Protein backbone atom coordinates (compact mmCIF):
# COMPACT_ATOMS: atom_id res chain seq x y z
CA MET A 1 -86.86 -56.07 -54.16
CA SER A 2 -84.16 -53.61 -55.32
CA PHE A 3 -80.64 -54.22 -56.56
CA SER A 4 -77.59 -51.90 -56.47
CA PRO A 5 -75.58 -51.43 -59.60
CA PRO A 6 -72.06 -53.03 -59.63
CA GLN A 7 -70.28 -49.72 -59.03
CA GLU A 8 -72.35 -49.09 -55.91
CA LYS A 9 -71.49 -52.54 -54.52
CA GLU A 10 -67.81 -51.92 -55.12
CA LYS A 11 -68.05 -48.57 -53.33
CA GLU A 12 -69.73 -50.17 -50.29
CA LYS A 13 -67.02 -52.86 -50.19
CA LYS A 14 -64.25 -50.20 -50.09
CA GLU A 15 -66.01 -48.29 -47.30
CA ARG A 16 -66.24 -51.45 -45.16
CA LYS A 17 -62.50 -52.04 -45.61
CA MET A 18 -61.71 -48.45 -44.61
CA LYS A 19 -63.79 -48.79 -41.41
CA LYS A 20 -61.92 -51.97 -40.43
CA ARG A 21 -58.59 -50.23 -41.01
CA SER A 22 -59.64 -47.23 -38.92
CA LYS A 23 -60.59 -49.50 -36.00
CA ALA A 24 -57.24 -51.30 -35.97
CA PRO A 25 -55.14 -48.32 -34.68
CA LEU A 26 -57.78 -47.59 -32.05
CA MET A 27 -57.70 -51.18 -30.76
CA ALA A 28 -53.90 -51.12 -30.73
CA THR A 29 -53.92 -47.85 -28.78
CA LEU A 30 -56.36 -49.21 -26.20
CA LEU A 31 -54.34 -52.43 -25.84
CA SER A 32 -51.13 -50.43 -25.35
CA PHE A 33 -52.81 -48.23 -22.74
CA PHE A 34 -54.02 -51.19 -20.68
CA LEU A 35 -50.62 -52.90 -20.97
CA LEU A 36 -48.76 -49.78 -19.82
CA THR A 37 -51.22 -49.31 -16.93
CA PHE A 38 -50.56 -52.88 -15.78
CA VAL A 39 -46.79 -52.43 -16.02
CA PHE A 40 -46.90 -49.12 -14.08
CA GLN A 41 -49.04 -50.65 -11.33
CA PHE A 42 -46.73 -53.65 -11.08
CA HIS A 43 -43.63 -51.47 -10.81
CA HIS A 44 -45.35 -49.19 -8.32
CA LYS A 45 -46.19 -52.15 -6.09
CA LEU A 46 -42.65 -53.45 -6.43
CA ALA A 47 -41.24 -50.05 -5.54
CA THR A 48 -43.26 -49.77 -2.37
CA ARG A 49 -42.82 -53.30 -1.04
CA ILE A 50 -39.20 -54.32 -0.85
CA HIS A 51 -38.19 -57.95 -0.48
CA PHE A 52 -35.07 -58.00 1.69
CA SER A 53 -33.88 -61.35 0.38
CA ASP A 54 -33.22 -59.85 -3.07
CA PRO A 55 -29.88 -57.94 -3.02
CA SER A 56 -30.93 -55.82 -5.98
CA LEU A 57 -33.73 -54.31 -3.96
CA SER A 58 -31.80 -53.10 -0.94
CA LEU A 59 -33.33 -50.14 0.86
CA PHE A 60 -29.89 -48.57 1.24
CA THR A 61 -27.63 -46.97 -1.35
CA GLN A 62 -25.00 -49.30 -2.72
CA PRO A 63 -21.24 -48.63 -2.57
CA ASN A 64 -19.68 -47.05 -5.63
CA SER A 65 -17.32 -49.74 -6.89
CA ASN A 66 -15.08 -47.12 -8.45
CA SER A 67 -14.81 -44.85 -5.42
CA ASP A 68 -10.99 -44.77 -5.57
CA SER A 69 -11.13 -42.76 -8.78
CA ASN A 70 -13.96 -40.57 -7.56
CA PRO A 71 -12.78 -37.57 -5.47
CA ASN A 72 -16.20 -37.13 -3.91
CA PRO A 73 -17.96 -40.52 -3.65
CA PRO A 74 -21.58 -40.60 -2.52
CA PRO A 75 -22.05 -41.37 1.17
CA GLN A 76 -23.19 -44.87 1.99
CA HIS A 77 -26.17 -46.16 3.93
CA THR A 78 -28.75 -43.56 3.08
CA ALA A 79 -32.39 -44.50 2.69
CA SER A 80 -35.15 -42.49 1.04
CA VAL A 81 -38.89 -42.34 1.65
CA LEU A 82 -41.36 -40.61 -0.66
CA LEU A 83 -43.68 -38.46 1.44
CA GLN A 84 -46.80 -36.60 0.38
CA ASP A 85 -46.50 -33.58 -1.92
CA TRP A 86 -43.59 -35.21 -3.78
CA GLN A 87 -41.10 -34.54 -1.01
CA VAL A 88 -38.28 -37.07 -0.57
CA LEU A 89 -37.03 -37.76 2.95
CA VAL A 90 -33.39 -38.86 2.93
CA PHE A 91 -31.83 -40.48 6.00
CA GLN A 92 -28.07 -40.66 6.37
CA PHE A 93 -27.46 -43.43 8.90
CA TYR A 94 -23.66 -43.18 8.86
CA PRO A 95 -22.99 -39.44 8.39
CA SER A 96 -19.89 -38.97 6.27
CA LEU A 97 -20.39 -35.47 4.88
CA GLU A 98 -19.18 -32.34 6.63
CA ALA A 99 -22.00 -30.74 8.60
CA SER A 100 -21.00 -27.25 7.44
CA ARG A 101 -21.54 -28.03 3.74
CA ARG A 102 -24.74 -27.66 1.78
CA PHE A 103 -26.21 -30.78 0.24
CA SER A 104 -28.26 -31.75 -2.77
CA CYS A 105 -30.13 -34.81 -3.95
CA LEU A 106 -28.76 -36.45 -7.10
CA PHE A 107 -31.36 -38.55 -8.92
CA ARG A 108 -30.84 -41.44 -11.30
CA ASP A 109 -31.27 -39.29 -14.43
CA ASN A 110 -28.69 -36.77 -13.12
CA SER A 111 -31.35 -34.31 -11.96
CA VAL A 112 -30.28 -32.36 -8.87
CA THR A 113 -32.56 -30.68 -6.32
CA PRO A 114 -31.56 -28.86 -3.11
CA ALA A 115 -31.64 -30.84 0.15
CA ARG A 116 -33.25 -28.93 3.01
CA GLU A 117 -31.96 -29.45 6.53
CA THR A 118 -34.42 -30.66 9.16
CA SER A 119 -34.50 -30.63 12.95
CA SER A 120 -32.64 -33.96 12.78
CA ASN A 121 -28.93 -34.04 12.03
CA ASP A 122 -29.23 -37.17 9.89
CA ALA A 123 -32.27 -36.34 7.76
CA PHE A 124 -32.82 -34.08 4.76
CA VAL A 125 -35.81 -33.29 2.56
CA CYS A 126 -35.62 -32.58 -1.17
CA PRO A 127 -38.32 -32.14 -3.82
CA MET A 128 -38.65 -34.83 -6.44
CA PRO A 129 -38.04 -33.44 -9.97
CA ARG A 130 -41.29 -33.02 -11.89
CA ARG A 131 -40.13 -35.06 -14.86
CA LEU A 132 -39.51 -38.08 -12.64
CA ARG A 133 -42.96 -38.02 -11.04
CA ILE A 134 -44.56 -39.77 -14.02
CA ARG A 135 -41.94 -42.52 -14.22
CA ARG A 136 -42.28 -45.80 -12.37
CA PRO A 137 -40.67 -47.16 -10.33
CA PHE A 138 -39.28 -44.36 -8.19
CA TYR A 139 -35.56 -44.55 -7.38
CA SER A 140 -33.89 -43.10 -4.31
CA PRO A 141 -31.52 -40.17 -4.82
CA LEU A 142 -27.97 -39.89 -3.54
CA LEU A 143 -27.07 -37.23 -1.01
CA VAL A 144 -24.14 -35.22 -2.40
CA ALA A 145 -22.28 -32.00 -1.66
CA SER A 146 -23.91 -29.11 -3.53
CA ASP A 147 -20.60 -27.52 -4.50
CA ASN A 148 -19.30 -30.71 -6.12
CA PRO A 149 -22.19 -32.97 -7.11
CA VAL A 150 -21.20 -36.46 -8.26
CA ARG A 151 -22.21 -36.98 -11.88
CA LYS A 152 -20.39 -40.25 -12.48
CA HIS A 153 -22.27 -43.06 -10.85
CA TYR A 154 -23.51 -46.61 -11.25
CA LEU A 155 -27.20 -47.45 -11.66
CA ASN A 156 -27.09 -49.93 -8.78
CA ALA A 157 -26.32 -47.02 -6.46
CA PHE A 158 -29.99 -46.03 -6.71
CA PRO A 159 -32.26 -48.46 -4.88
CA LEU A 160 -36.02 -48.29 -5.19
CA MET A 161 -37.69 -45.66 -3.06
CA VAL A 162 -40.31 -46.69 -0.52
CA ARG A 163 -43.58 -44.91 0.22
CA TRP A 164 -44.56 -43.36 3.54
CA ASN A 165 -47.68 -45.52 3.89
CA TRP A 166 -45.95 -48.95 3.95
CA ILE A 167 -42.97 -48.74 6.27
CA VAL A 168 -41.58 -49.36 9.75
CA TYR A 169 -40.50 -45.87 10.72
CA GLU A 170 -39.52 -45.85 14.42
CA SER A 171 -38.69 -48.15 17.31
CA LEU A 172 -38.28 -47.73 21.04
CA SER A 173 -36.76 -50.20 23.50
CA THR A 174 -38.09 -50.63 27.00
CA ALA A 175 -36.69 -52.90 29.70
CA ASP A 176 -39.21 -55.60 28.74
CA ASP A 177 -39.75 -55.31 24.99
CA VAL A 178 -39.33 -53.28 21.81
CA ILE A 179 -42.09 -50.96 20.57
CA VAL A 180 -42.30 -50.72 16.78
CA PHE A 181 -44.13 -48.00 14.84
CA ALA A 182 -45.35 -48.91 11.35
CA LYS A 183 -47.73 -47.78 8.62
CA GLY A 184 -49.76 -50.07 6.41
CA VAL A 185 -50.56 -52.84 8.92
CA ASN A 186 -53.62 -51.40 10.70
CA THR A 187 -55.29 -49.00 8.29
CA LYS A 188 -58.81 -48.63 9.71
CA GLN A 189 -59.75 -47.02 13.00
CA GLY A 190 -60.81 -49.60 15.57
CA SER A 191 -59.73 -52.53 13.37
CA ASN A 192 -56.40 -54.00 14.46
CA ARG A 193 -54.65 -57.03 13.02
CA PRO A 194 -54.10 -59.72 15.69
CA ALA A 195 -50.62 -59.68 17.21
CA SER A 196 -50.39 -63.41 16.40
CA ASP A 197 -50.23 -62.45 12.69
CA LEU A 198 -47.07 -60.38 13.19
CA THR A 199 -43.38 -61.08 13.63
CA CYS A 200 -40.51 -58.70 14.33
CA LEU A 201 -37.36 -59.20 12.28
CA PHE A 202 -33.94 -57.90 13.31
CA TYR A 203 -31.16 -57.49 10.76
CA LEU A 204 -27.94 -55.61 10.13
CA SER A 205 -27.85 -52.75 7.66
CA ASP A 206 -25.44 -54.63 5.36
CA SER A 207 -27.49 -57.83 5.42
CA ARG A 208 -30.50 -58.99 3.41
CA ALA A 209 -31.68 -61.59 5.90
CA PRO A 210 -32.72 -61.21 9.56
CA PHE A 211 -30.46 -62.72 12.18
CA TYR A 212 -33.31 -63.04 14.69
CA THR A 213 -37.11 -62.98 14.79
CA THR A 214 -39.49 -62.55 17.74
CA ALA A 215 -43.24 -62.75 18.17
CA ALA A 216 -45.41 -59.66 18.44
CA THR A 217 -47.36 -59.35 21.69
CA SER A 218 -49.51 -56.28 20.93
CA SER A 219 -51.03 -54.64 17.85
CA SER A 220 -52.93 -51.35 18.03
CA GLN A 221 -53.17 -48.52 15.50
CA GLU A 222 -49.58 -47.94 14.29
CA VAL A 223 -47.97 -49.33 17.46
CA PHE A 224 -46.70 -52.88 17.88
CA ARG A 225 -44.80 -54.57 20.69
CA CYS A 226 -42.40 -57.50 20.32
CA HIS A 227 -39.99 -59.45 22.47
CA HIS A 228 -36.35 -58.38 22.38
CA PRO A 229 -33.99 -60.59 20.37
CA ASP A 230 -31.56 -62.78 22.27
CA LEU A 231 -28.65 -60.40 22.85
CA ASN A 232 -26.27 -63.37 22.74
CA ALA A 233 -27.35 -63.90 19.12
CA LEU A 234 -26.24 -60.43 18.04
CA PRO A 235 -23.53 -60.73 15.37
CA GLU A 236 -20.22 -59.04 15.99
CA SER A 237 -20.53 -55.98 13.79
CA THR A 238 -20.25 -52.23 13.95
CA ASN A 239 -23.25 -51.85 11.66
CA GLN A 240 -26.55 -50.64 13.00
CA ILE A 241 -29.41 -53.03 13.71
CA PHE A 242 -32.77 -52.41 12.09
CA VAL A 243 -36.15 -53.86 13.04
CA SER A 244 -39.00 -54.65 10.68
CA LEU A 245 -42.38 -56.42 10.70
CA ARG A 246 -43.79 -59.28 8.68
CA ILE A 247 -47.48 -60.13 8.37
CA SER A 248 -48.11 -63.85 8.24
CA ASN A 249 -51.11 -66.09 8.91
CA SER A 250 -52.76 -69.15 7.41
CA ASP A 251 -54.14 -67.13 4.47
CA TYR A 252 -51.44 -64.60 3.71
CA SER A 253 -47.75 -63.87 4.14
CA SER A 254 -46.17 -60.54 3.25
CA ASP A 255 -42.65 -59.52 2.52
CA PRO A 256 -41.07 -57.69 5.46
CA LEU A 257 -42.03 -54.03 5.55
CA PRO A 258 -39.15 -51.76 4.50
CA SER A 259 -37.68 -50.18 7.60
CA VAL A 260 -35.74 -47.10 8.65
CA ALA A 261 -36.21 -47.95 12.35
CA ILE A 262 -32.95 -48.51 14.22
CA TYR A 263 -33.11 -51.05 17.04
CA THR A 264 -31.27 -50.19 20.25
CA PRO A 265 -30.85 -52.94 22.88
CA PRO A 266 -32.22 -52.03 26.31
CA SER A 267 -29.74 -50.16 28.46
CA ALA A 268 -28.98 -50.85 32.09
CA GLN A 269 -31.58 -49.45 34.44
CA ALA A 270 -30.57 -46.00 35.66
CA ALA A 271 -31.09 -44.95 39.24
CA VAL A 272 -34.70 -43.95 39.83
CA GLN A 273 -35.04 -40.18 40.02
CA GLN A 274 -37.96 -38.13 41.17
CA LYS A 275 -40.43 -37.68 38.34
CA ILE A 276 -41.40 -34.31 36.95
CA LYS A 277 -44.94 -33.58 38.10
CA ILE A 278 -46.40 -32.17 34.87
CA CYS A 279 -45.00 -32.24 31.31
CA ALA A 280 -46.63 -31.28 28.01
CA CYS A 281 -46.42 -33.02 24.65
CA THR A 282 -47.52 -31.68 21.27
CA MET A 283 -46.97 -32.13 17.54
CA VAL A 284 -45.94 -29.04 15.58
CA TYR A 285 -45.72 -28.05 11.95
CA ASN A 286 -44.47 -24.55 11.12
CA SER A 287 -45.53 -23.34 14.56
CA ALA A 288 -42.41 -21.37 15.47
CA LYS A 289 -44.25 -18.05 15.69
CA PHE A 290 -46.88 -19.55 18.03
CA LEU A 291 -44.47 -21.42 20.29
CA PRO A 292 -43.04 -18.69 22.60
CA GLU A 293 -46.48 -17.48 23.75
CA TRP A 294 -47.66 -21.05 24.39
CA VAL A 295 -44.51 -22.15 26.23
CA ARG A 296 -44.23 -19.05 28.44
CA TYR A 297 -47.87 -19.23 29.49
CA HIS A 298 -47.95 -22.93 30.34
CA SER A 299 -44.58 -22.81 32.06
CA ALA A 300 -45.92 -20.02 34.28
CA ILE A 301 -48.88 -22.14 35.42
CA GLY A 302 -46.97 -25.36 36.10
CA VAL A 303 -45.66 -27.25 33.05
CA GLU A 304 -42.02 -28.10 33.80
CA LYS A 305 -40.93 -29.76 30.54
CA PHE A 306 -42.14 -29.60 26.93
CA PHE A 307 -41.80 -32.31 24.27
CA LEU A 308 -42.23 -31.19 20.65
CA TYR A 309 -42.74 -33.68 17.80
CA ASP A 310 -41.67 -31.82 14.67
CA ASN A 311 -43.84 -32.94 11.73
CA GLY A 312 -41.47 -31.63 9.06
CA SER A 313 -41.37 -27.90 9.82
CA ASP A 314 -39.48 -25.59 7.46
CA ASP A 315 -39.86 -22.36 9.47
CA ARG A 316 -36.52 -22.63 11.36
CA LEU A 317 -38.16 -24.15 14.42
CA ASN A 318 -34.77 -24.97 15.91
CA LEU A 319 -33.85 -21.28 16.21
CA THR A 320 -37.02 -20.55 18.19
CA VAL A 321 -36.45 -23.57 20.44
CA ASN A 322 -32.83 -22.53 21.02
CA ARG A 323 -33.91 -19.04 22.09
CA LEU A 324 -36.46 -20.49 24.52
CA GLN A 325 -33.88 -22.90 25.91
CA SER A 326 -31.46 -20.00 26.45
CA ASN A 327 -34.22 -18.43 28.57
CA ARG A 328 -34.27 -21.56 30.73
CA PHE A 329 -37.36 -23.21 29.33
CA ASP A 330 -36.92 -26.98 29.33
CA ILE A 331 -37.82 -28.06 25.77
CA SER A 332 -36.79 -31.03 23.65
CA THR A 333 -37.59 -31.62 19.97
CA ARG A 334 -37.96 -34.94 18.18
CA PHE A 335 -38.00 -35.11 14.38
CA TRP A 336 -41.24 -36.87 13.43
CA PRO A 337 -41.83 -36.27 9.70
CA TRP A 338 -44.37 -39.03 9.12
CA PRO A 339 -47.68 -37.90 7.59
CA LYS A 340 -50.89 -38.58 9.49
CA SER A 341 -49.20 -39.99 12.58
CA GLN A 342 -50.26 -37.86 15.55
CA GLU A 343 -51.68 -40.82 17.47
CA ALA A 344 -48.37 -42.68 17.06
CA ALA A 345 -46.38 -39.60 18.09
CA PHE A 346 -48.37 -39.31 21.32
CA SER A 347 -48.01 -43.07 21.95
CA HIS A 348 -44.25 -42.66 21.57
CA CYS A 349 -44.27 -39.63 23.87
CA ALA A 350 -46.21 -41.50 26.56
CA ALA A 351 -43.96 -44.57 26.38
CA ILE A 352 -40.56 -42.90 26.28
CA ASN A 353 -41.35 -40.47 29.11
CA ARG A 354 -43.13 -42.86 31.47
CA ASP A 355 -40.23 -42.88 33.90
CA ARG A 356 -39.58 -39.14 33.56
CA CYS A 357 -42.99 -37.50 33.94
CA GLU A 358 -45.87 -38.32 36.26
CA TRP A 359 -48.53 -36.45 34.27
CA MET A 360 -48.55 -35.39 30.61
CA ALA A 361 -50.76 -32.72 29.04
CA PHE A 362 -51.53 -33.68 25.43
CA ILE A 363 -52.59 -30.34 23.94
CA ASP A 364 -51.88 -28.37 20.75
CA VAL A 365 -49.99 -25.08 20.44
CA ASP A 366 -53.25 -23.23 19.75
CA GLU A 367 -54.77 -24.46 23.04
CA PHE A 368 -54.37 -22.71 26.41
CA VAL A 369 -55.45 -24.26 29.71
CA TYR A 370 -57.34 -21.72 31.83
CA SER A 371 -59.57 -21.42 34.87
CA PRO A 372 -61.88 -18.43 35.44
CA SER A 373 -61.04 -18.80 39.16
CA TRP A 374 -57.61 -17.32 38.38
CA SER A 375 -59.07 -13.94 37.40
CA ASN A 376 -58.20 -12.28 40.72
CA SER A 377 -54.60 -13.56 40.74
CA THR A 378 -52.10 -10.76 40.28
CA ARG A 379 -49.45 -13.14 39.01
CA PRO A 380 -49.28 -16.75 37.78
CA ASN A 381 -47.94 -19.52 39.95
CA ARG A 382 -46.63 -22.94 39.09
CA SER A 383 -49.09 -24.74 41.32
CA MET A 384 -52.10 -23.61 39.28
CA LEU A 385 -52.13 -26.51 36.82
CA GLY A 386 -51.30 -28.94 39.62
CA SER A 387 -54.60 -28.03 41.28
CA PHE A 388 -56.36 -29.86 38.42
CA LEU A 389 -54.81 -33.19 39.42
CA PRO A 390 -56.95 -35.62 41.40
CA GLY A 391 -56.20 -36.72 44.90
CA GLN A 392 -57.40 -40.26 44.19
CA PRO A 393 -54.68 -42.59 42.83
CA ARG A 394 -57.26 -44.51 40.78
CA VAL A 395 -57.89 -41.55 38.46
CA GLY A 396 -55.60 -42.05 35.48
CA GLN A 397 -56.84 -39.29 33.18
CA VAL A 398 -58.39 -35.87 33.70
CA SER A 399 -60.40 -34.29 30.88
CA ILE A 400 -60.92 -30.55 30.39
CA GLY A 401 -63.60 -29.03 28.16
CA CYS A 402 -62.71 -26.84 25.15
CA TYR A 403 -64.19 -23.63 23.77
CA ASP A 404 -63.43 -22.83 20.13
CA PHE A 405 -62.46 -19.22 19.38
CA SER A 406 -63.27 -17.48 16.10
CA PRO A 407 -61.17 -15.29 13.75
CA SER A 408 -62.56 -12.36 15.79
CA GLY A 409 -62.26 -9.93 12.89
CA GLN A 410 -58.55 -10.63 12.33
CA THR A 411 -57.27 -10.80 8.76
CA SER A 412 -53.67 -11.73 9.61
CA HIS A 413 -51.77 -13.24 12.50
CA PRO A 414 -52.16 -10.94 15.56
CA LYS A 415 -48.81 -9.32 16.29
CA ASN A 416 -49.37 -9.63 20.07
CA GLY A 417 -50.29 -13.32 19.92
CA VAL A 418 -53.41 -15.43 19.72
CA VAL A 419 -54.63 -14.78 23.27
CA LYS A 420 -54.65 -11.03 22.69
CA GLY A 421 -55.92 -11.20 19.12
CA TYR A 422 -58.79 -13.70 19.24
CA THR A 423 -61.45 -12.75 21.77
CA CYS A 424 -64.73 -14.02 20.37
CA ARG A 425 -65.83 -17.66 20.57
CA ARG A 426 -68.66 -20.08 20.02
CA HIS A 427 -71.23 -20.60 22.79
CA ALA A 428 -71.05 -24.35 23.20
CA GLU A 429 -68.28 -26.40 24.77
CA GLU A 430 -66.56 -28.62 22.20
CA ARG A 431 -64.95 -31.93 23.06
CA HIS A 432 -62.21 -32.35 25.69
CA LYS A 433 -58.46 -32.56 26.04
CA SER A 434 -56.60 -34.50 28.71
CA LEU A 435 -53.97 -34.62 31.40
CA VAL A 436 -52.81 -38.25 31.55
CA ARG A 437 -51.10 -40.16 34.34
CA LEU A 438 -48.45 -42.03 32.33
CA ASP A 439 -48.31 -45.03 34.66
CA ALA A 440 -52.01 -45.57 33.97
CA VAL A 441 -51.75 -45.74 30.17
CA ASP A 442 -52.77 -49.07 28.67
CA ARG A 443 -49.93 -51.27 27.44
CA SER A 444 -51.23 -51.00 23.86
CA LEU A 445 -50.71 -47.20 23.98
CA VAL A 446 -54.02 -46.81 22.10
CA ASN A 447 -55.31 -43.24 21.96
CA SER A 448 -57.62 -40.92 20.09
CA ILE A 449 -54.97 -38.17 19.98
CA HIS A 450 -55.89 -36.34 23.18
CA HIS A 451 -57.29 -39.29 25.18
CA PHE A 452 -55.63 -42.59 26.07
CA GLY A 453 -56.91 -46.02 26.86
CA LEU A 454 -56.25 -46.83 30.53
CA ARG A 455 -55.08 -49.96 32.28
CA ASP A 456 -57.54 -51.97 34.34
CA GLY A 457 -58.17 -50.38 37.71
CA TYR A 458 -57.93 -46.77 36.51
CA GLU A 459 -60.77 -44.39 35.70
CA TRP A 460 -61.41 -40.98 34.12
CA GLY A 461 -61.96 -37.72 35.96
CA LYS A 462 -63.15 -34.31 34.77
CA VAL A 463 -62.27 -30.78 35.87
CA GLU A 464 -65.56 -28.90 35.77
CA TRP A 465 -64.16 -25.53 36.86
CA ALA A 466 -61.48 -25.22 34.17
CA ARG A 467 -61.43 -25.11 30.39
CA ILE A 468 -59.18 -24.90 27.37
CA ASN A 469 -59.29 -21.87 25.09
CA HIS A 470 -58.86 -23.39 21.64
CA TYR A 471 -57.83 -20.73 19.12
CA LYS A 472 -59.03 -22.93 16.31
CA TYR A 473 -60.52 -20.60 13.71
CA GLN A 474 -57.77 -18.08 13.06
CA ALA A 475 -57.18 -15.48 10.35
CA TRP A 476 -57.67 -17.17 6.98
CA ASP A 477 -53.99 -17.20 5.95
CA GLU A 478 -53.24 -19.17 9.12
CA PHE A 479 -56.28 -21.44 9.03
CA LYS A 480 -55.87 -22.51 5.39
CA VAL A 481 -52.54 -24.18 6.30
CA LYS A 482 -54.71 -26.95 7.77
CA PHE A 483 -55.57 -28.00 4.21
CA ARG A 484 -52.03 -29.36 3.86
CA ARG A 485 -53.26 -32.51 5.60
CA ARG A 486 -54.81 -33.72 8.83
CA ALA A 487 -52.45 -34.92 11.56
CA SER A 488 -54.56 -37.90 12.58
CA ALA A 489 -54.03 -41.26 10.90
CA PHE A 490 -57.75 -41.99 10.79
CA VAL A 491 -59.38 -38.63 9.95
CA PRO A 492 -59.83 -37.80 6.24
CA ASP A 493 -57.78 -34.89 4.94
CA TRP A 494 -59.58 -31.60 4.44
CA MET A 495 -59.59 -32.00 0.66
CA ASP A 496 -60.90 -35.59 0.73
CA LYS A 497 -64.53 -35.39 -0.36
CA VAL A 498 -65.91 -37.68 2.35
CA ASN A 499 -67.83 -37.19 5.61
CA PRO A 500 -68.97 -33.61 4.89
CA ALA A 501 -71.09 -33.53 8.08
CA SER A 502 -68.34 -34.83 10.38
CA ARG A 503 -67.54 -32.89 13.56
CA ASP A 504 -63.92 -32.98 12.40
CA ARG A 505 -64.83 -30.56 9.61
CA THR A 506 -65.46 -26.84 9.85
CA PRO A 507 -69.15 -25.90 9.40
CA GLY A 508 -69.77 -24.18 6.09
CA LEU A 509 -66.30 -24.92 4.74
CA GLY A 510 -65.95 -26.99 1.57
CA PHE A 511 -63.18 -29.28 0.40
CA GLU A 512 -60.95 -26.60 -1.13
CA PRO A 513 -58.81 -23.90 0.57
CA VAL A 514 -61.10 -21.11 -0.64
CA GLN A 515 -61.90 -18.38 1.86
CA PRO A 516 -65.65 -18.32 2.63
CA ALA A 517 -67.43 -15.00 2.53
CA GLY A 518 -67.35 -13.24 5.90
CA TRP A 519 -64.69 -15.57 7.34
CA ALA A 520 -63.25 -12.90 9.68
CA TRP A 521 -66.45 -12.88 11.74
CA LYS A 522 -67.58 -16.48 11.44
CA PHE A 523 -68.22 -18.43 14.67
CA CYS A 524 -68.22 -15.21 16.72
CA GLU A 525 -71.08 -15.83 19.16
CA THR A 526 -69.76 -14.69 22.56
CA ASN A 527 -67.22 -12.00 23.34
CA ASP A 528 -64.69 -13.46 25.82
CA THR A 529 -61.68 -11.38 26.87
CA ARG A 530 -60.99 -12.98 30.25
CA LEU A 531 -57.75 -14.77 29.38
CA ARG A 532 -56.57 -11.78 27.35
CA ASP A 533 -57.10 -9.49 30.35
CA LEU A 534 -55.47 -11.96 32.75
CA THR A 535 -52.31 -12.42 30.67
CA SER A 536 -52.03 -8.65 30.20
CA LYS A 537 -51.98 -8.32 33.97
CA TRP A 538 -49.58 -11.22 34.52
CA PHE A 539 -47.06 -10.46 31.81
CA HIS A 540 -47.56 -6.67 31.57
CA ARG A 541 -48.21 -6.73 27.85
């Protein structure tokens, strides 16, 4: 047995004390980190789920109590939604600013960012300042005139901002019910919450409590149907009515979802007019340069009216639409900024146009309907697309096969358009797109983007002698835009590292927008110039 001298024991004692002291700051740091994480998560949850019964958490901006002394008070009744990519969507429900002025977003810390106009007169988009992105909770900005931004304000003028993935974002009234569009209720494909778990709430914009509730009768994807409120129960008010949803069952009850969806009571039935035979509906994002070619071609073969759902374009889409309208093309645009909501957009399009259009083509702006049997036609005619429609009234949907075209050696957008520029494709037919009889669409409005569920008694048909040229794999600078996000609610985004072997992904492409070697000639298996040659003959270009 050995013994240490007294000085050695004293030295060991001091070292043990030093180790204990060094651990104390580390433990304090770890405790602080976990505490801050909990607080941030709590505030984040609070910021995204607003309880309407608490006046301090109103979705709308609050009046400035000192507006008499303020020469340029902030407009009232705006609501803000935080979208992806740190973009803030600001709705102005009671426009009070001059349309000719430029606007900015004023944030709670006095940061100001420019507000970009959208295709809607009452909506603006502004970037969230970087320094506010790490602070929780997120507060809504005020919409102010850029040439005289309000700097004097009250903190209660900035309500908490809601997130795009937990919100009621649109509503549509039919003669029989109200259709409500919401995110956060049904989040998995094919798994829908029972309608019995849901209630619609109707309230005025200046109120915290609903004046009427009705039961939901349908729940599918992001689409819900409820009974109308009793119109005799409507309060006498000039304020707008909003509709929201609440989830409630024996195990769980949620706060009402925050809502920017204005409820409009059903209008008196208009006189029945003859329906348009064939319409087309599509969602667009920065597609202005593709639109004229697509509209002119499909109008020539039989599409009479076009419905565009604008998914937040910033390429001056309205100017292109205005030029096409001045050339007598019948086009309407609906602002639809919601991320990952193409199924809901097409459900809305089918429901709102049921009494206007008999058939609807649900195709994208890079897809062109074509039949090789047209090759000998010297000019297009507007009965061509109509020849695809079935003679049997029981057929409610007609599917058309697709062929995917390759970059065809192009390194930039072809100056003469996609039909002229992309002339090489893959061998195999890929999937199908549809022409849908709107009267046959199931009441739930369920769809897988280009195909709808049908009511009992209706069946599918297929056009074997036609196809769709899908100009899917374009020059890299065009194709990489897809990495922004996927349009579907239930398909992972391109940069989400899941399902690498899915048919929804591009073969050989990873999870990052990095151009693969030899991209310009990928997927080029069959040279196919038939539609290029036909359109050159038809349109003399």
